Amino acid sequence: MSRRPAHLPARPTWRCRACGIAWPCSPAKLRLLAEYRNDRAALLAHLTAVGAEAAVDLGVSASPAGLRERFTGWASAR
């Protein structure tokens, strides 16, 4: 039986290794929310850090506002 790859980012494209869409994909978001369920500030710090790494990898092909929404906008307290 083969295992499916985890919903983790493939660098430098920052697409999901499992489903191929922009990371964090929906399954990755659900996993992150569960993992950080008791510490939203730590989740946002983690997402800010990986978003900064993605900005370097993606360079001018991604807008800062788009990256902010992609990496932290969905996880911010509403």
PDB file of N, CA and C in Angstrom:
ATOM      1  N   MET A   1       0.855  -1.175   0.000  1.00  0.00           N
ATOM      2  CA  MET A   1       0.000   0.000   0.000  1.00  0.00           C
ATOM      3  C   MET A   1       0.902   1.239   0.000  1.00  0.00           C
ATOM      4  N   SER A   2       0.645   2.151  -0.900  1.00  0.00           N
ATOM      5  CA  SER A   2       1.447   3.374  -0.955  1.00  0.00           C
ATOM      6  C   SER A   2       0.783   4.476  -0.132  1.00  0.00           C
ATOM      7  N   ARG A   3       1.630   5.278   0.480  1.00  0.00           N
ATOM      8  CA  ARG A   3       1.128   6.410   1.275  1.00  0.00           C
ATOM      9  C   ARG A   3       1.052   7.636   0.398  1.00  0.00           C
ATOM     10  N   ARG A   4       0.027   8.413   0.608  1.00  0.00           N
ATOM     11  CA  ARG A   4      -0.088   9.694  -0.085  1.00  0.00           C
ATOM     12  C   ARG A   4       0.825  10.692   0.606  1.00  0.00           C
ATOM     13  N   PRO A   5       1.401  11.606  -0.159  1.00  0.00           N
ATOM     14  CA  PRO A   5       2.246  12.612   0.490  1.00  0.00           C
ATOM     15  C   PRO A   5       1.411  13.518   1.394  1.00  0.00           C
ATOM     16  N   ALA A   6       2.044  13.997   2.435  1.00  0.00           N
ATOM     17  CA  ALA A   6       1.378  14.917   3.358  1.00  0.00           C
ATOM     18  C   ALA A   6       1.124  16.248   2.656  1.00  0.00           C
ATOM     19  N   HIS A   7       0.164  16.987   3.147  1.00  0.00           N
ATOM     20  CA  HIS A   7      -0.168  18.308   2.587  1.00  0.00           C
ATOM     21  C   HIS A   7       0.842  19.331   3.107  1.00  0.00           C
ATOM     22  N   LEU A   8       2.041  19.250   2.553  1.00  0.00           N
ATOM     23  CA  LEU A   8       3.153  20.130   2.918  1.00  0.00           C
ATOM     24  C   LEU A   8       3.591  20.901   1.685  1.00  0.00           C
ATOM     25  N   PRO A   9       4.241  22.043   1.880  1.00  0.00           N
ATOM     26  CA  PRO A   9       4.654  22.840   0.726  1.00  0.00           C
ATOM     27  C   PRO A   9       5.855  22.233   0.006  1.00  0.00           C
ATOM     28  N   ALA A  10       5.821  22.323  -1.309  1.00  0.00           N
ATOM     29  CA  ALA A  10       6.968  21.958  -2.138  1.00  0.00           C
ATOM     30  C   ALA A  10       7.661  23.258  -2.509  1.00  0.00           C
ATOM     31  N   ARG A  11       8.903  23.393  -2.083  1.00  0.00           N
ATOM     32  CA  ARG A  11       9.633  24.616  -2.383  1.00  0.00           C
ATOM     33  C   ARG A  11      10.437  24.412  -3.651  1.00  0.00           C
ATOM     34  N   PRO A  12      10.592  25.400  -4.471  1.00  0.00           N
ATOM     35  CA  PRO A  12      10.321  26.820  -4.265  1.00  0.00           C
ATOM     36  C   PRO A  12       8.962  27.284  -4.781  1.00  0.00           C
ATOM     37  N   THR A  13       8.111  26.357  -5.229  1.00  0.00           N
ATOM     38  CA  THR A  13       6.835  26.771  -5.827  1.00  0.00           C
ATOM     39  C   THR A  13       5.752  27.066  -4.802  1.00  0.00           C
ATOM     40  N   TRP A  14       5.903  26.523  -3.609  1.00  0.00           N
ATOM     41  CA  TRP A  14       4.906  26.679  -2.543  1.00  0.00           C
ATOM     42  C   TRP A  14       3.544  26.160  -2.963  1.00  0.00           C
ATOM     43  N   ARG A  15       3.570  25.033  -3.676  1.00  0.00           N
ATOM     44  CA  ARG A  15       2.358  24.308  -4.010  1.00  0.00           C
ATOM     45  C   ARG A  15       2.338  23.064  -3.133  1.00  0.00           C
ATOM     46  N   CYS A  16       1.171  22.561  -2.833  1.00  0.00           N
ATOM     47  CA  CYS A  16       1.021  21.410  -1.954  1.00  0.00           C
ATOM     48  C   CYS A  16       1.577  20.155  -2.628  1.00  0.00           C
ATOM     49  N   ARG A  17       2.361  19.387  -1.878  1.00  0.00           N
ATOM     50  CA  ARG A  17       2.939  18.144  -2.401  1.00  0.00           C
ATOM     51  C   ARG A  17       1.865  17.101  -2.678  1.00  0.00           C
ATOM     52  N   ALA A  18       0.765  17.148  -1.945  1.00  0.00           N
ATOM     53  CA  ALA A  18      -0.281  16.131  -2.072  1.00  0.00           C
ATOM     54  C   ALA A  18      -1.309  16.471  -3.145  1.00  0.00           C
ATOM     55  N   CYS A  19      -1.786  17.715  -3.164  1.00  0.00           N
ATOM     56  CA  CYS A  19      -2.892  18.046  -4.072  1.00  0.00           C
ATOM     57  C   CYS A  19      -2.513  19.047  -5.158  1.00  0.00           C
ATOM     58  N   GLY A  20      -1.343  19.670  -5.044  1.00  0.00           N
ATOM     59  CA  GLY A  20      -0.852  20.541  -6.094  1.00  0.00           C
ATOM     60  C   GLY A  20      -1.381  21.964  -6.115  1.00  0.00           C
ATOM     61  N   ILE A  21      -2.261  22.305  -5.190  1.00  0.00           N
ATOM     62  CA  ILE A  21      -2.756  23.684  -5.186  1.00  0.00           C
ATOM     63  C   ILE A  21      -1.870  24.551  -4.291  1.00  0.00           C
ATOM     64  N   ALA A  22      -2.086  25.842  -4.340  1.00  0.00           N
ATOM     65  CA  ALA A  22      -1.283  26.769  -3.546  1.00  0.00           C
ATOM     66  C   ALA A  22      -1.356  26.381  -2.070  1.00  0.00           C
ATOM     67  N   TRP A  23      -0.185  26.303  -1.444  1.00  0.00           N
ATOM     68  CA  TRP A  23      -0.114  25.955  -0.030  1.00  0.00           C
ATOM     69  C   TRP A  23      -0.159  27.223   0.807  1.00  0.00           C
ATOM     70  N   PRO A  24      -0.888  27.278   1.907  1.00  0.00           N
ATOM     71  CA  PRO A  24      -1.549  26.152   2.542  1.00  0.00           C
ATOM     72  C   PRO A  24      -2.903  25.846   1.902  1.00  0.00           C
ATOM     73  N   CYS A  25      -3.068  24.605   1.503  1.00  0.00           N
ATOM     74  CA  CYS A  25      -4.328  24.133   0.936  1.00  0.00           C
ATOM     75  C   CYS A  25      -5.323  23.914   2.087  1.00  0.00           C
ATOM     76  N   SER A  26      -6.549  23.581   1.769  1.00  0.00           N
ATOM     77  CA  SER A  26      -7.563  23.385   2.817  1.00  0.00           C
ATOM     78  C   SER A  26      -7.174  22.311   3.828  1.00  0.00           C
ATOM     79  N   PRO A  27      -6.692  21.128   3.387  1.00  0.00           N
ATOM     80  CA  PRO A  27      -6.285  20.133   4.390  1.00  0.00           C
ATOM     81  C   PRO A  27      -5.136  20.628   5.275  1.00  0.00           C
ATOM     82  N   ALA A  28      -4.204  21.373   4.706  1.00  0.00           N
ATOM     83  CA  ALA A  28      -3.100  21.917   5.508  1.00  0.00           C
ATOM     84  C   ALA A  28      -3.628  22.932   6.521  1.00  0.00           C
ATOM     85  N   LYS A  29      -4.566  23.760   6.105  1.00  0.00           N
ATOM     86  CA  LYS A  29      -5.150  24.740   7.026  1.00  0.00           C
ATOM     87  C   LYS A  29      -5.847  24.038   8.187  1.00  0.00           C
ATOM     88  N   LEU A  30      -6.591  22.996   7.890  1.00  0.00           N
ATOM     89  CA  LEU A  30      -7.278  22.254   8.951  1.00  0.00           C
ATOM     90  C   LEU A  30      -6.267  21.623   9.913  1.00  0.00           C
ATOM     91  N   ARG A  31      -5.191  21.058   9.370  1.00  0.00           N
ATOM     92  CA  ARG A  31      -4.159  20.457  10.210  1.00  0.00           C
ATOM     93  C   ARG A  31      -3.500  21.513  11.093  1.00  0.00           C
ATOM     94  N   LEU A  32      -3.187  22.671  10.511  1.00  0.00           N
ATOM     95  CA  LEU A  32      -2.556  23.742  11.271  1.00  0.00           C
ATOM     96  C   LEU A  32      -3.486  24.274  12.363  1.00  0.00           C
ATOM     97  N   LEU A  33      -4.758  24.446  12.031  1.00  0.00           N
ATOM     98  CA  LEU A  33      -5.713  24.914  13.042  1.00  0.00           C
ATOM     99  C   LEU A  33      -5.815  23.933  14.202  1.00  0.00           C
ATOM    100  N   ALA A  34      -5.803  22.637  13.892  1.00  0.00           N
ATOM    101  CA  ALA A  34      -5.861  21.626  14.951  1.00  0.00           C
ATOM    102  C   ALA A  34      -4.576  21.624  15.772  1.00  0.00           C
ATOM    103  N   GLU A  35      -3.440  21.720  15.097  1.00  0.00           N
ATOM    104  CA  GLU A  35      -2.150  21.694  15.772  1.00  0.00           C
ATOM    105  C   GLU A  35      -1.960  22.887  16.707  1.00  0.00           C
ATOM    106  N   TYR A  36      -2.454  24.046  16.288  1.00  0.00           N
ATOM    107  CA  TYR A  36      -2.288  25.277  17.070  1.00  0.00           C
ATOM    108  C   TYR A  36      -3.600  25.723  17.723  1.00  0.00           C
ATOM    109  N   ARG A  37      -4.513  24.809  17.957  1.00  0.00           N
ATOM    110  CA  ARG A  37      -5.857  25.177  18.434  1.00  0.00           C
ATOM    111  C   ARG A  37      -5.847  25.981  19.730  1.00  0.00           C
ATOM    112  N   ASN A  38      -4.824  25.789  20.544  1.00  0.00           N
ATOM    113  CA  ASN A  38      -4.769  26.494  21.825  1.00  0.00           C
ATOM    114  C   ASN A  38      -3.839  27.699  21.811  1.00  0.00           C
ATOM    115  N   ASP A  39      -3.280  28.026  20.649  1.00  0.00           N
ATOM    116  CA  ASP A  39      -2.326  29.135  20.598  1.00  0.00           C
ATOM    117  C   ASP A  39      -2.358  29.810  19.227  1.00  0.00           C
ATOM    118  N   ARG A  40      -3.366  30.630  19.010  1.00  0.00           N
ATOM    119  CA  ARG A  40      -3.536  31.320  17.721  1.00  0.00           C
ATOM    120  C   ARG A  40      -2.354  32.242  17.427  1.00  0.00           C
ATOM    121  N   ALA A  41      -1.784  32.863  18.455  1.00  0.00           N
ATOM    122  CA  ALA A  41      -0.632  33.745  18.246  1.00  0.00           C
ATOM    123  C   ALA A  41       0.553  32.963  17.691  1.00  0.00           C
ATOM    124  N   ALA A  42       0.790  31.761  18.191  1.00  0.00           N
ATOM    125  CA  ALA A  42       1.887  30.931  17.682  1.00  0.00           C
ATOM    126  C   ALA A  42       1.614  30.500  16.243  1.00  0.00           C
ATOM    127  N   LEU A  43       0.360  30.200  15.928  1.00  0.00           N
ATOM    128  CA  LEU A  43      -0.001  29.859  14.547  1.00  0.00           C
ATOM    129  C   LEU A  43       0.311  31.029  13.625  1.00  0.00           C
ATOM    130  N   LEU A  44      -0.091  32.218  14.007  1.00  0.00           N
ATOM    131  CA  LEU A  44       0.165  33.389  13.169  1.00  0.00           C
ATOM    132  C   LEU A  44       1.658  33.680  13.040  1.00  0.00           C
ATOM    133  N   ALA A  45       2.422  33.469  14.109  1.00  0.00           N
ATOM    134  CA  ALA A  45       3.880  33.656  14.033  1.00  0.00           C
ATOM    135  C   ALA A  45       4.489  32.646  13.071  1.00  0.00           C
ATOM    136  N   HIS A  46       4.047  31.399  13.146  1.00  0.00           N
ATOM    137  CA  HIS A  46       4.541  30.358  12.241  1.00  0.00           C
ATOM    138  C   HIS A  46       4.195  30.701  10.793  1.00  0.00           C
ATOM    139  N   LEU A  47       2.949  31.084  10.550  1.00  0.00           N
ATOM    140  CA  LEU A  47       2.515  31.403   9.190  1.00  0.00           C
ATOM    141  C   LEU A  47       3.223  32.641   8.648  1.00  0.00           C
ATOM    142  N   THR A  48       3.500  33.611   9.498  1.00  0.00           N
ATOM    143  CA  THR A  48       4.250  34.800   9.088  1.00  0.00           C
ATOM    144  C   THR A  48       5.656  34.406   8.651  1.00  0.00           C
ATOM    145  N   ALA A  49       6.277  33.507   9.408  1.00  0.00           N
ATOM    146  CA  ALA A  49       7.636  33.057   9.073  1.00  0.00           C
ATOM    147  C   ALA A  49       7.654  32.294   7.752  1.00  0.00           C
ATOM    148  N   VAL A  50       6.727  31.365   7.552  1.00  0.00           N
ATOM    149  CA  VAL A  50       6.744  30.613   6.291  1.00  0.00           C
ATOM    150  C   VAL A  50       6.306  31.502   5.128  1.00  0.00           C
ATOM    151  N   GLY A  51       5.445  32.468   5.402  1.00  0.00           N
ATOM    152  CA  GLY A  51       5.066  33.429   4.362  1.00  0.00           C
ATOM    153  C   GLY A  51       6.249  34.257   3.909  1.00  0.00           C
ATOM    154  N   ALA A  52       7.126  34.624   4.847  1.00  0.00           N
ATOM    155  CA  ALA A  52       8.336  35.367   4.495  1.00  0.00           C
ATOM    156  C   ALA A  52       9.268  34.499   3.654  1.00  0.00           C
ATOM    157  N   GLU A  53       9.373  33.214   3.987  1.00  0.00           N
ATOM    158  CA  GLU A  53      10.187  32.301   3.182  1.00  0.00           C
ATOM    159  C   GLU A  53       9.607  32.175   1.772  1.00  0.00           C
ATOM    160  N   ALA A  54       8.279  32.091   1.692  1.00  0.00           N
ATOM    161  CA  ALA A  54       7.627  31.990   0.389  1.00  0.00           C
ATOM    162  C   ALA A  54       7.870  33.252  -0.427  1.00  0.00           C
ATOM    163  N   ALA A  55       7.844  34.404   0.200  1.00  0.00           N
ATOM    164  CA  ALA A  55       8.081  35.665  -0.507  1.00  0.00           C
ATOM    165  C   ALA A  55       9.463  35.665  -1.151  1.00  0.00           C
ATOM    166  N   VAL A  56      10.455  35.141  -0.443  1.00  0.00           N
ATOM    167  CA  VAL A  56      11.808  35.067  -1.001  1.00  0.00           C
ATOM    168  C   VAL A  56      11.831  34.087  -2.172  1.00  0.00           C
ATOM    169  N   ASP A  57      11.238  32.911  -1.983  1.00  0.00           N
ATOM    170  CA  ASP A  57      11.237  31.896  -3.038  1.00  0.00           C
ATOM    171  C   ASP A  57      10.465  32.343  -4.273  1.00  0.00           C
ATOM    172  N   LEU A  58       9.325  32.986  -4.069  1.00  0.00           N
ATOM    173  CA  LEU A  58       8.461  33.368  -5.189  1.00  0.00           C
ATOM    174  C   LEU A  58       8.871  34.683  -5.828  1.00  0.00           C
ATOM    175  N   GLY A  59       9.600  35.507  -5.085  1.00  0.00           N
ATOM    176  CA  GLY A  59      10.100  36.772  -5.625  1.00  0.00           C
ATOM    177  C   GLY A  59       8.982  37.678  -6.115  1.00  0.00           C
ATOM    178  N   VAL A  60       9.207  38.324  -7.241  1.00  0.00           N
ATOM    179  CA  VAL A  60       8.266  39.316  -7.754  1.00  0.00           C
ATOM    180  C   VAL A  60       6.997  38.698  -8.338  1.00  0.00           C
ATOM    181  N   SER A  61       6.941  37.363  -8.423  1.00  0.00           N
ATOM    182  CA  SER A  61       5.759  36.735  -9.009  1.00  0.00           C
ATOM    183  C   SER A  61       4.552  36.753  -8.076  1.00  0.00           C
ATOM    184  N   ALA A  62       4.746  37.142  -6.823  1.00  0.00           N
ATOM    185  CA  ALA A  62       3.633  37.172  -5.864  1.00  0.00           C
ATOM    186  C   ALA A  62       3.554  38.543  -5.204  1.00  0.00           C
ATOM    187  N   SER A  63       2.347  39.054  -5.078  1.00  0.00           N
ATOM    188  CA  SER A  63       2.172  40.360  -4.434  1.00  0.00           C
ATOM    189  C   SER A  63       2.215  40.214  -2.918  1.00  0.00           C
ATOM    190  N   PRO A  64       2.752  41.202  -2.219  1.00  0.00           N
ATOM    191  CA  PRO A  64       2.768  41.135  -0.751  1.00  0.00           C
ATOM    192  C   PRO A  64       1.366  40.968  -0.155  1.00  0.00           C
ATOM    193  N   ALA A  65       0.396  41.673  -0.701  1.00  0.00           N
ATOM    194  CA  ALA A  65      -0.972  41.555  -0.174  1.00  0.00           C
ATOM    195  C   ALA A  65      -1.522  40.150  -0.409  1.00  0.00           C
ATOM    196  N   GLY A  66      -1.248  39.601  -1.568  1.00  0.00           N
ATOM    197  CA  GLY A  66      -1.706  38.248  -1.873  1.00  0.00           C
ATOM    198  C   GLY A  66      -1.071  37.218  -0.955  1.00  0.00           C
ATOM    199  N   LEU A  67       0.219  37.371  -0.702  1.00  0.00           N
ATOM    200  CA  LEU A  67       0.900  36.448   0.207  1.00  0.00           C
ATOM    201  C   LEU A  67       0.383  36.591   1.631  1.00  0.00           C
ATOM    202  N   ARG A  68       0.117  37.805   2.058  1.00  0.00           N
ATOM    203  CA  ARG A  68      -0.403  38.034   3.413  1.00  0.00           C
ATOM    204  C   ARG A  68      -1.748  37.328   3.569  1.00  0.00           C
ATOM    205  N   GLU A  69      -2.621  37.474   2.602  1.00  0.00           N
ATOM    206  CA  GLU A  69      -3.925  36.806   2.675  1.00  0.00           C
ATOM    207  C   GLU A  69      -3.765  35.290   2.616  1.00  0.00           C
ATOM    208  N   ARG A  70      -2.902  34.832   1.745  1.00  0.00           N
ATOM    209  CA  ARG A  70      -2.692  33.394   1.565  1.00  0.00           C
ATOM    210  C   ARG A  70      -2.146  32.735   2.828  1.00  0.00           C
ATOM    211  N   PHE A  71      -1.193  33.386   3.490  1.00  0.00           N
ATOM    212  CA  PHE A  71      -0.539  32.753   4.625  1.00  0.00           C
ATOM    213  C   PHE A  71      -1.136  33.104   5.978  1.00  0.00           C
ATOM    214  N   THR A  72      -1.602  34.314   6.186  1.00  0.00           N
ATOM    215  CA  THR A  72      -2.107  34.673   7.520  1.00  0.00           C
ATOM    216  C   THR A  72      -3.551  35.159   7.528  1.00  0.00           C
ATOM    217  N   GLY A  73      -4.052  35.640   6.414  1.00  0.00           N
ATOM    218  CA  GLY A  73      -5.398  36.208   6.391  1.00  0.00           C
ATOM    219  C   GLY A  73      -6.475  35.243   6.839  1.00  0.00           C
ATOM    220  N   TRP A  74      -6.354  33.993   6.430  1.00  0.00           N
ATOM    221  CA  TRP A  74      -7.365  32.992   6.789  1.00  0.00           C
ATOM    222  C   TRP A  74      -7.308  32.607   8.260  1.00  0.00           C
ATOM    223  N   ALA A  75      -6.166  32.805   8.896  1.00  0.00           N
ATOM    224  CA  ALA A  75      -5.986  32.352  10.279  1.00  0.00           C
ATOM    225  C   ALA A  75      -6.177  33.464  11.299  1.00  0.00           C
ATOM    226  N   SER A  76      -6.278  34.700  10.842  1.00  0.00           N
ATOM    227  CA  SER A  76      -6.433  35.816  11.772  1.00  0.00           C
ATOM    228  C   SER A  76      -7.788  35.757  12.459  1.00  0.00           C
ATOM    229  N   ALA A  77      -7.806  36.193  13.691  1.00  0.00           N
ATOM    230  CA  ALA A  77      -9.074  36.246  14.429  1.00  0.00           C
ATOM    231  C   ALA A  77     -10.039  37.167  13.712  1.00  0.00           C
ATOM    232  N   ARG A  78     -11.259  36.749  13.584  1.00  0.00           N
ATOM    233  CA  ARG A  78     -12.250  37.545  12.855  1.00  0.00           C
ATOM    234  C   ARG A  78     -13.291  38.091  13.786  1.00  0.00           C
TER     235      ARG A  78
END
